[in-house]
Amino acid sequence: MAELEKVKVDVLDLKLGLYVSALDRPWSQTSFPLQGFQIRSHRELSALKAVCQYVYIDSKKSNFESDDARQKILNSGSADKRDSNKIRRSTKALDIDHEYYGFNNNIPSSAQYQRTKEDLERVSSSIKSIYSQLRAGSEIDEAQLNQASAILTDAIVKMPTAAFWTALLQEHDDRIYNHGLRAATWALLCGRHIGLEVLQLKRLAQGILLKDVYRLSGKFSAQTKVDPVLTSVSLLRESNAHPKVIAIVKYHRERFNGSGKPFGLLGEKIPFLARIASIATAYDLALYPLKNQNHGGAKSPSQAAKVLYNQKGKAFQEELVVEFIEAIGLYPLGTRVTLSSGETGIVIKNNPNRRLKPEIMVIKDANGSDLDEPRTVNLSAQEGLSITNDLPSVNSDAELQGVFENAVLSLASNDDKGSGGFIKRLFRTPTTAMA
């Protein structure tokens, strides 16, 4: 049987010496100067993996390491190694220390909440400034970036509840720094939970805050098929960003089973912090989908957690998904829920031993009417009462966002006003707003 000259090969199977005769897209959509070339460097290999899923090689013009290597390539045919449903198991245990920071589920005082809110507003302002620097072609102000990540990390380590509430109240729009700040918060909460050291947490925050800087560059265009990750990496290298931060950006779209982009890395070959960044990004996009992108409608926290859980061992490392959900909670603080009694409430405190049974502030009766005196219910102590449903975040509704923030301040208050009457007044909103 005659040997085929033109063979379709997955880019994950490419080797030095192979002659690429055609791509899975027009040559004009790539940066390759020649329409047909022999792969002579690892840089060329990486470039092909970044823009293509498969290529066609000319077996007559290719140099193979051996006859076995030749046969392996010819037999690979059109086999696609980027199967998104393929299951990948971990090959080594995670290095986790849940006691490193200790569990902190305390409701912060109003002063602590306000201070955390002001700190995160400073972080947001700094990130906006850094993005402006990048847009203007300047180098990153490393001192400013370090200060911003230090403030965010300190808030998560010392007062995770206040930081969580503040993240929930971040603006919901297409500004990449708002998405980045929320995703960084989720990632740091996970990192705190598993005991990452402070420096690792800072690098993790920086990587997530800078992962989408390709949007600032004229070099990127969806029409040219230039990979956004590589555009971000190029920008950050030109701006002298820290190598470990660049690594998070470079690999955060990789998938644990090898189905990701741009390099198709598999399993633990993906840097650990990039694996966390990948999960945190997916979680935030499930809660707050960006406009004009295929993320679907806004999901509730439990639905977002289910998205992650369904991808364990596929897109995401199974053990890390479990740790992330444990850190954030199935029903995170501030989640609006309906109870089996038909009443509506807000999660105000999680129970680490019974995560499906948090403390709830009940604000509406089964008919949807405001309670005269909102009450607190500990579901772990209430047999027969449970959560039947949770709702998407309040910050998808501008009116409810203000209502919720006042509720947070009331919960956080240590003065003698008490939350009952205050919360009652706050939640006298139209029933349709809470539906």
Protein backbone atom coordinates (compact mmCIF):
# COMPACT_ATOMS: atom_id res chain seq x y z
CA MET A 1 0.00 0.00 0.00
CA ALA A 2 1.42 3.39 -1.00
CA GLU A 3 2.31 5.76 1.82
CA LEU A 4 0.14 8.85 1.98
CA GLU A 5 2.07 12.05 1.43
CA LYS A 6 -0.45 14.35 3.18
CA VAL A 7 -1.41 13.27 6.69
CA LYS A 8 -3.70 15.06 9.16
CA VAL A 9 -1.97 15.26 12.54
CA ASP A 10 -3.09 16.69 15.90
CA VAL A 11 -0.74 19.47 16.97
CA LEU A 12 -0.07 17.58 20.22
CA ASP A 13 1.64 14.88 18.14
CA LEU A 14 3.93 17.21 16.21
CA LYS A 15 7.71 16.74 16.44
CA LEU A 16 10.78 18.55 15.20
CA GLY A 17 11.60 17.64 11.61
CA LEU A 18 8.03 17.24 10.38
CA TYR A 19 7.10 19.21 7.28
CA VAL A 20 3.85 21.19 7.65
CA SER A 21 2.14 21.49 4.27
CA ALA A 22 -1.26 22.89 5.36
CA LEU A 23 -3.08 24.20 8.44
CA ASP A 24 -6.62 23.86 9.75
CA ARG A 25 -7.14 27.53 8.78
CA PRO A 26 -5.89 29.90 6.06
CA TRP A 27 -2.20 30.77 6.25
CA SER A 28 -3.18 34.45 6.06
CA GLN A 29 -4.76 34.17 9.50
CA THR A 30 -1.43 33.25 11.07
CA SER A 31 1.97 34.84 11.48
CA PHE A 32 3.82 32.14 9.53
CA PRO A 33 5.69 33.76 6.60
CA LEU A 34 5.87 30.61 4.48
CA GLN A 35 3.03 28.42 3.28
CA GLY A 36 4.73 25.16 4.06
CA PHE A 37 7.80 24.67 6.24
CA GLN A 38 9.77 22.14 8.22
CA ILE A 39 9.51 22.43 12.02
CA ARG A 40 13.03 23.27 13.19
CA SER A 41 12.52 24.75 16.66
CA HIS A 42 10.40 24.38 19.79
CA ARG A 43 9.26 27.96 19.27
CA GLU A 44 7.67 26.92 15.98
CA LEU A 45 6.08 23.95 17.72
CA SER A 46 4.57 26.25 20.37
CA ALA A 47 3.34 28.68 17.74
CA LEU A 48 1.53 25.89 15.88
CA LYS A 49 -0.06 24.62 19.09
CA ALA A 50 -1.22 28.13 19.90
CA VAL A 51 -3.19 28.72 16.70
CA CYS A 52 -4.15 25.28 15.40
CA GLN A 53 -5.81 22.09 16.59
CA TYR A 54 -4.45 20.02 13.69
CA VAL A 55 -2.21 20.44 10.65
CA TYR A 56 -1.33 18.43 7.56
CA ILE A 57 2.19 17.12 7.16
CA ASP A 58 3.97 15.93 4.05
CA SER A 59 5.41 12.53 4.93
CA LYS A 60 7.82 12.62 1.95
CA LYS A 61 9.40 15.91 3.02
CA SER A 62 9.43 15.17 6.76
CA ASN A 63 12.45 13.90 8.70
CA PHE A 64 11.46 11.22 11.21
CA GLU A 65 13.54 10.16 14.21
CA SER A 66 13.00 6.49 13.34
CA ASP A 67 10.78 4.14 11.38
CA ASP A 68 8.68 3.65 14.53
CA ALA A 69 8.23 7.42 14.83
CA ARG A 70 7.18 7.56 11.16
CA GLN A 71 4.62 4.82 11.65
CA LYS A 72 3.26 6.40 14.82
CA ILE A 73 2.61 9.69 13.01
CA LEU A 74 1.06 7.99 9.99
CA ASN A 75 -1.19 5.89 12.24
CA SER A 76 -2.27 8.90 14.30
CA GLY A 77 -4.41 10.05 11.38
CA SER A 78 -6.98 12.54 12.55
CA ALA A 79 -7.04 11.37 16.15
CA ASP A 80 -8.02 14.34 18.31
CA LYS A 81 -6.25 14.43 21.65
CA ARG A 82 -8.32 17.45 22.76
CA ASP A 83 -11.33 15.43 23.90
CA SER A 84 -13.06 17.72 26.39
CA ASN A 85 -14.94 14.79 27.98
CA LYS A 86 -11.85 12.70 28.63
CA ILE A 87 -11.27 11.97 32.34
CA ARG A 88 -7.83 12.65 33.80
CA ARG A 89 -6.89 11.47 37.30
CA SER A 90 -4.31 13.19 39.47
CA THR A 91 -0.96 11.49 39.74
CA LYS A 92 0.08 13.12 43.01
CA ALA A 93 -1.71 14.30 46.14
CA LEU A 94 -2.23 18.00 46.75
CA ASP A 95 -0.12 19.63 49.45
CA ILE A 96 -2.90 21.02 51.64
CA ASP A 97 -2.91 22.51 55.14
CA HIS A 98 -6.39 23.50 56.26
CA GLU A 99 -5.05 24.61 59.63
CA TYR A 100 -2.49 27.10 58.23
CA TYR A 101 -4.82 30.09 58.62
CA GLY A 102 -7.65 28.47 60.52
CA PHE A 103 -11.37 28.68 59.84
CA ASN A 104 -12.84 32.17 60.14
CA ASN A 105 -16.59 32.40 59.77
CA ASN A 106 -17.16 35.43 61.98
CA ILE A 107 -19.57 38.13 60.89
CA PRO A 108 -17.43 41.28 60.74
CA SER A 109 -18.27 44.50 62.51
CA SER A 110 -19.59 47.34 60.39
CA ALA A 111 -16.22 49.08 60.81
CA GLN A 112 -14.37 45.98 59.56
CA TYR A 113 -16.71 45.66 56.60
CA GLN A 114 -16.32 49.33 55.66
CA ARG A 115 -12.54 49.10 55.96
CA THR A 116 -12.45 46.01 53.75
CA LYS A 117 -14.72 47.70 51.23
CA GLU A 118 -12.43 50.74 51.11
CA ASP A 119 -9.38 48.48 50.73
CA LEU A 120 -10.91 46.65 47.77
CA GLU A 121 -11.95 49.94 46.19
CA ARG A 122 -8.28 50.96 46.39
CA VAL A 123 -7.34 47.68 44.70
CA SER A 124 -9.89 48.31 41.94
CA SER A 125 -8.54 51.84 41.44
CA SER A 126 -4.98 50.53 41.23
CA ILE A 127 -5.92 47.90 38.64
CA LYS A 128 -7.68 50.53 36.52
CA SER A 129 -4.49 52.60 36.67
CA ILE A 130 -2.31 49.62 35.70
CA TYR A 131 -4.61 48.83 32.76
CA SER A 132 -4.32 52.44 31.63
CA GLN A 133 -0.52 52.11 31.77
CA LEU A 134 -0.63 48.97 29.63
CA ARG A 135 -3.04 50.54 27.18
CA ALA A 136 -0.59 53.42 26.75
CA GLY A 137 2.27 50.99 26.10
CA SER A 138 4.01 51.66 29.42
CA GLU A 139 5.58 49.14 31.74
CA ILE A 140 3.58 47.89 34.71
CA ASP A 141 4.13 49.87 37.89
CA GLU A 142 5.36 46.87 39.86
CA ALA A 143 5.16 48.70 43.19
CA GLN A 144 1.53 49.56 42.53
CA LEU A 145 0.71 45.99 41.50
CA ASN A 146 2.47 44.56 44.55
CA GLN A 147 0.62 46.95 46.83
CA ALA A 148 -2.76 46.11 45.29
CA SER A 149 -2.22 42.35 45.57
CA ALA A 150 -0.93 42.75 49.14
CA ILE A 151 -4.05 44.68 50.17
CA LEU A 152 -6.35 42.10 48.59
CA THR A 153 -4.45 39.15 50.06
CA ASP A 154 -4.36 40.72 53.54
CA ALA A 155 -8.12 41.27 53.42
CA ILE A 156 -8.78 37.64 52.44
CA VAL A 157 -6.42 36.22 55.06
CA LYS A 158 -7.64 38.36 57.97
CA MET A 159 -11.30 38.97 57.21
CA PRO A 160 -12.54 36.51 54.55
CA THR A 161 -16.23 37.10 55.28
CA ALA A 162 -15.99 40.86 54.77
CA ALA A 163 -13.95 40.34 51.59
CA PHE A 164 -16.54 37.87 50.31
CA TRP A 165 -19.41 40.28 50.91
CA THR A 166 -17.48 43.06 49.19
CA ALA A 167 -16.80 40.85 46.17
CA LEU A 168 -20.50 40.04 45.89
CA LEU A 169 -21.20 43.77 45.71
CA GLN A 170 -18.67 44.50 42.99
CA GLU A 171 -20.15 46.14 39.92
CA HIS A 172 -21.49 43.67 37.39
CA ASP A 173 -20.46 44.87 33.96
CA ASP A 174 -18.03 44.09 31.17
CA ARG A 175 -15.10 45.90 32.70
CA ILE A 176 -12.38 43.31 32.90
CA TYR A 177 -11.00 44.65 36.18
CA ASN A 178 -14.32 43.94 37.95
CA HIS A 179 -14.37 40.36 36.68
CA GLY A 180 -10.69 40.01 37.53
CA LEU A 181 -11.13 41.36 41.05
CA ARG A 182 -14.00 39.01 41.80
CA ALA A 183 -12.23 35.99 40.28
CA ALA A 184 -9.08 36.85 42.24
CA THR A 185 -11.18 36.96 45.42
CA TRP A 186 -12.64 33.49 44.79
CA ALA A 187 -9.16 32.14 44.02
CA LEU A 188 -7.65 33.65 47.17
CA LEU A 189 -10.45 32.26 49.32
CA CYS A 190 -9.59 28.83 47.92
CA GLY A 191 -5.86 29.45 48.40
CA ARG A 192 -6.45 30.50 52.00
CA HIS A 193 -8.55 27.39 52.58
CA ILE A 194 -5.81 25.02 51.38
CA GLY A 195 -3.02 26.91 53.15
CA LEU A 196 -1.06 28.65 50.39
CA GLU A 197 1.65 30.93 51.71
CA VAL A 198 1.12 34.69 51.44
CA LEU A 199 3.58 35.16 48.58
CA GLN A 200 1.81 32.48 46.55
CA LEU A 201 -1.51 34.17 47.24
CA LYS A 202 -0.14 37.50 46.03
CA ARG A 203 1.18 35.98 42.80
CA LEU A 204 -2.13 34.20 42.28
CA ALA A 205 -4.01 37.49 42.67
CA GLN A 206 -1.68 39.31 40.28
CA GLY A 207 -2.00 36.64 37.61
CA ILE A 208 -5.79 36.68 37.66
CA LEU A 209 -5.98 40.48 37.74
CA LEU A 210 -3.81 40.62 34.61
CA LYS A 211 -5.04 37.56 32.71
CA ASP A 212 -7.24 39.48 30.26
CA VAL A 213 -4.92 42.34 29.32
CA TYR A 214 -5.06 41.18 25.69
CA ARG A 215 -8.30 43.16 25.49
CA LEU A 216 -6.24 46.34 25.85
CA SER A 217 -4.02 45.60 22.90
CA GLY A 218 -4.42 46.54 19.26
CA LYS A 219 -2.46 43.36 18.53
CA PHE A 220 -5.49 41.21 19.32
CA SER A 221 -8.41 40.70 16.99
CA ALA A 222 -10.88 37.84 17.02
CA GLN A 223 -10.85 37.90 13.22
CA THR A 224 -7.12 37.15 13.01
CA LYS A 225 -7.41 34.09 15.26
CA VAL A 226 -4.42 35.26 17.26
CA ASP A 227 -4.58 33.49 20.60
CA PRO A 228 -5.61 35.92 23.36
CA VAL A 229 -3.45 34.18 25.95
CA LEU A 230 -0.31 34.63 23.87
CA THR A 231 -1.23 38.28 23.30
CA SER A 232 -1.52 38.81 27.06
CA VAL A 233 1.77 37.01 27.65
CA SER A 234 3.51 39.17 25.06
CA LEU A 235 2.15 42.35 26.63
CA LEU A 236 3.21 41.29 30.11
CA ARG A 237 6.70 40.31 28.99
CA GLU A 238 7.10 43.69 27.32
CA SER A 239 5.95 45.27 30.59
CA ASN A 240 8.47 43.27 32.67
CA ALA A 241 5.82 41.42 34.69
CA HIS A 242 7.06 38.76 37.13
CA PRO A 243 7.68 35.36 35.46
CA LYS A 244 5.40 33.52 37.92
CA VAL A 245 2.60 35.96 37.17
CA ILE A 246 3.13 35.45 33.44
CA ALA A 247 2.97 31.66 33.97
CA ILE A 248 -0.49 31.95 35.55
CA VAL A 249 -1.71 34.05 32.63
CA LYS A 250 -0.05 31.74 30.10
CA TYR A 251 -1.62 28.52 31.37
CA HIS A 252 -4.94 29.53 32.98
CA ARG A 253 -6.91 28.34 29.92
CA GLU A 254 -5.32 24.91 29.91
CA ARG A 255 -7.55 22.02 30.95
CA PHE A 256 -6.60 19.16 33.25
CA ASN A 257 -7.46 16.50 30.67
CA GLY A 258 -5.33 18.17 27.98
CA SER A 259 -8.24 19.68 26.05
CA GLY A 260 -7.31 23.31 26.77
CA LYS A 261 -5.55 26.04 24.86
CA PRO A 262 -3.10 27.18 23.73
CA PHE A 263 -0.65 24.36 24.53
CA GLY A 264 -2.82 21.38 25.42
CA LEU A 265 -0.91 20.74 28.66
CA LEU A 266 -2.04 17.71 30.61
CA GLY A 267 -2.62 17.20 34.34
CA GLU A 268 0.04 18.35 36.76
CA LYS A 269 2.10 19.81 33.92
CA ILE A 270 -0.22 22.80 34.28
CA PRO A 271 1.23 25.06 37.01
CA PHE A 272 -0.66 24.72 40.29
CA LEU A 273 -1.64 28.39 40.61
CA ALA A 274 -2.88 28.40 37.01
CA ARG A 275 -5.14 25.45 37.85
CA ILE A 276 -6.72 27.47 40.67
CA ALA A 277 -7.05 30.53 38.41
CA SER A 278 -8.86 28.40 35.83
CA ILE A 279 -11.47 27.24 38.35
CA ALA A 280 -11.98 30.71 39.86
CA THR A 281 -12.43 32.25 36.42
CA ALA A 282 -15.02 29.66 35.39
CA TYR A 283 -16.91 30.16 38.66
CA ASP A 284 -17.12 33.93 38.26
CA LEU A 285 -18.20 33.71 34.63
CA ALA A 286 -20.98 31.33 35.67
CA LEU A 287 -22.20 33.81 38.28
CA TYR A 288 -21.66 36.93 36.18
CA PRO A 289 -21.45 36.05 32.47
CA LEU A 290 -19.85 38.68 30.25
CA LYS A 291 -21.94 40.18 27.48
CA ASN A 292 -21.49 38.96 23.91
CA GLN A 293 -19.76 35.79 25.07
CA ASN A 294 -21.08 32.26 25.17
CA HIS A 295 -21.33 31.83 28.94
CA GLY A 296 -25.12 31.42 29.16
CA GLY A 297 -27.35 33.22 31.65
CA ALA A 298 -26.36 34.14 35.19
CA LYS A 299 -26.37 31.11 37.47
CA SER A 300 -27.00 30.82 41.18
CA PRO A 301 -24.05 29.87 43.41
CA SER A 302 -25.14 26.23 43.66
CA GLN A 303 -25.58 26.06 39.88
CA ALA A 304 -22.13 27.59 39.39
CA ALA A 305 -20.69 25.01 41.78
CA LYS A 306 -22.43 22.29 39.76
CA VAL A 307 -20.75 23.60 36.59
CA LEU A 308 -17.38 23.08 38.29
CA TYR A 309 -18.36 19.71 39.76
CA ASN A 310 -19.46 18.39 36.36
CA GLN A 311 -16.00 19.28 35.00
CA LYS A 312 -13.94 17.63 37.75
CA GLY A 313 -11.35 15.37 36.19
CA LYS A 314 -12.06 16.99 32.82
CA ALA A 315 -11.44 20.74 32.63
CA PHE A 316 -10.39 20.94 36.27
CA GLN A 317 -8.44 18.81 38.71
CA GLU A 318 -10.96 16.85 40.77
CA GLU A 319 -9.34 17.46 44.15
CA LEU A 320 -9.04 21.20 43.52
CA VAL A 321 -12.71 21.47 42.55
CA VAL A 322 -13.68 19.86 45.85
CA GLU A 323 -11.41 22.22 47.80
CA PHE A 324 -12.72 25.26 45.91
CA ILE A 325 -16.36 24.40 46.62
CA GLU A 326 -15.53 23.76 50.27
CA ALA A 327 -13.83 27.16 50.48
CA ILE A 328 -16.62 29.13 48.76
CA GLY A 329 -19.55 27.06 49.95
CA LEU A 330 -22.48 25.65 48.04
CA TYR A 331 -24.55 28.51 49.43
CA PRO A 332 -22.04 31.33 49.97
CA LEU A 333 -22.67 34.23 52.32
CA GLY A 334 -25.22 36.61 50.86
CA THR A 335 -26.94 33.97 48.73
CA ARG A 336 -30.69 34.51 48.41
CA VAL A 337 -32.58 31.28 49.07
CA THR A 338 -36.08 29.92 49.27
CA LEU A 339 -36.84 27.50 52.09
CA SER A 340 -39.01 24.37 52.19
CA SER A 341 -41.48 26.48 54.18
CA GLY A 342 -41.87 28.79 51.16
CA GLU A 343 -40.12 31.66 52.96
CA THR A 344 -37.30 33.73 51.47
CA GLY A 345 -34.03 34.51 53.23
CA ILE A 346 -30.36 35.36 52.91
CA VAL A 347 -27.43 33.16 53.97
CA ILE A 348 -25.61 35.00 56.75
CA LYS A 349 -23.32 32.31 58.17
CA ASN A 350 -22.04 28.94 56.95
CA ASN A 351 -21.74 25.80 59.02
CA PRO A 352 -18.38 24.12 58.18
CA ASN A 353 -19.64 20.74 59.41
CA ARG A 354 -23.04 20.87 57.70
CA ARG A 355 -22.61 22.93 54.56
CA LEU A 356 -26.17 22.42 53.35
CA LYS A 357 -27.47 23.83 56.63
CA PRO A 358 -26.28 27.45 56.97
CA GLU A 359 -27.77 30.19 59.11
CA ILE A 360 -30.47 32.15 57.30
CA MET A 361 -32.00 35.58 57.87
CA VAL A 362 -35.63 35.05 56.89
CA ILE A 363 -37.06 38.25 55.38
CA LYS A 364 -40.27 37.23 53.58
CA ASP A 365 -43.07 34.83 54.44
CA ALA A 366 -44.41 32.09 52.19
CA ASN A 367 -46.69 34.58 50.45
CA GLY A 368 -43.78 36.88 49.56
CA SER A 369 -44.73 39.52 52.11
CA ASP A 370 -42.15 41.28 54.27
CA LEU A 371 -41.89 39.95 57.79
CA ASP A 372 -42.60 42.49 60.52
CA GLU A 373 -39.55 41.19 62.34
CA PRO A 374 -37.00 39.27 60.21
CA ARG A 375 -35.63 36.35 62.14
CA THR A 376 -32.45 34.29 62.08
CA VAL A 377 -32.76 30.53 61.60
CA ASN A 378 -29.96 27.99 62.01
CA LEU A 379 -30.96 25.24 59.61
CA SER A 380 -28.63 22.76 61.29
CA ALA A 381 -30.82 23.02 64.39
CA GLN A 382 -34.14 23.05 62.53
CA GLU A 383 -35.25 19.58 61.56
CA GLY A 384 -37.55 19.52 58.55
CA LEU A 385 -36.51 22.96 57.29
CA SER A 386 -34.14 23.12 54.35
CA ILE A 387 -33.11 25.14 51.31
CA THR A 388 -35.07 24.28 48.20
CA ASN A 389 -33.60 26.81 45.80
CA ASP A 390 -31.01 29.57 45.55
CA LEU A 391 -31.09 32.56 43.23
CA PRO A 392 -28.52 34.40 41.10
CA SER A 393 -26.51 37.14 42.78
CA VAL A 394 -28.30 40.35 43.72
CA ASN A 395 -25.75 42.45 41.89
CA SER A 396 -27.45 41.54 38.63
CA ASP A 397 -30.13 43.96 39.83
CA ALA A 398 -29.05 47.52 40.67
CA GLU A 399 -31.94 48.12 43.10
CA LEU A 400 -31.36 44.91 45.01
CA GLN A 401 -27.63 45.58 45.19
CA GLY A 402 -28.23 48.65 47.33
CA VAL A 403 -30.74 46.76 49.45
CA PHE A 404 -28.33 43.92 50.02
CA GLU A 405 -25.46 46.21 50.98
CA ASN A 406 -27.61 47.84 53.65
CA ALA A 407 -28.51 44.38 54.90
CA VAL A 408 -24.82 43.51 55.11
CA LEU A 409 -24.13 46.67 57.09
CA SER A 410 -26.99 45.83 59.42
CA LEU A 411 -25.65 42.31 60.00
CA ALA A 412 -22.20 43.72 60.58
CA SER A 413 -23.34 46.37 63.03
CA ASN A 414 -22.31 45.97 66.66
CA ASP A 415 -24.40 48.88 67.92
CA ASP A 416 -27.69 48.68 69.82
CA LYS A 417 -29.97 49.43 66.89
CA GLY A 418 -30.50 45.76 66.16
CA SER A 419 -31.08 44.36 62.73
CA GLY A 420 -34.73 43.44 62.92
CA GLY A 421 -36.51 46.73 62.27
CA PHE A 422 -33.70 47.96 60.00
CA ILE A 423 -33.80 44.89 57.77
CA LYS A 424 -37.59 45.02 57.74
CA ARG A 425 -37.47 48.53 56.28
CA LEU A 426 -34.72 47.63 53.82
CA PHE A 427 -36.60 44.74 52.29
CA ARG A 428 -39.86 46.56 51.74
CA THR A 429 -39.21 46.30 48.02
CA PRO A 430 -41.66 45.23 45.33
CA THR A 431 -42.23 41.49 45.37
CA THR A 432 -41.20 41.30 41.72
CA ALA A 433 -37.73 42.56 42.61
CA MET A 434 -37.09 39.58 44.84
CA ALA A 435 -38.70 37.03 42.55
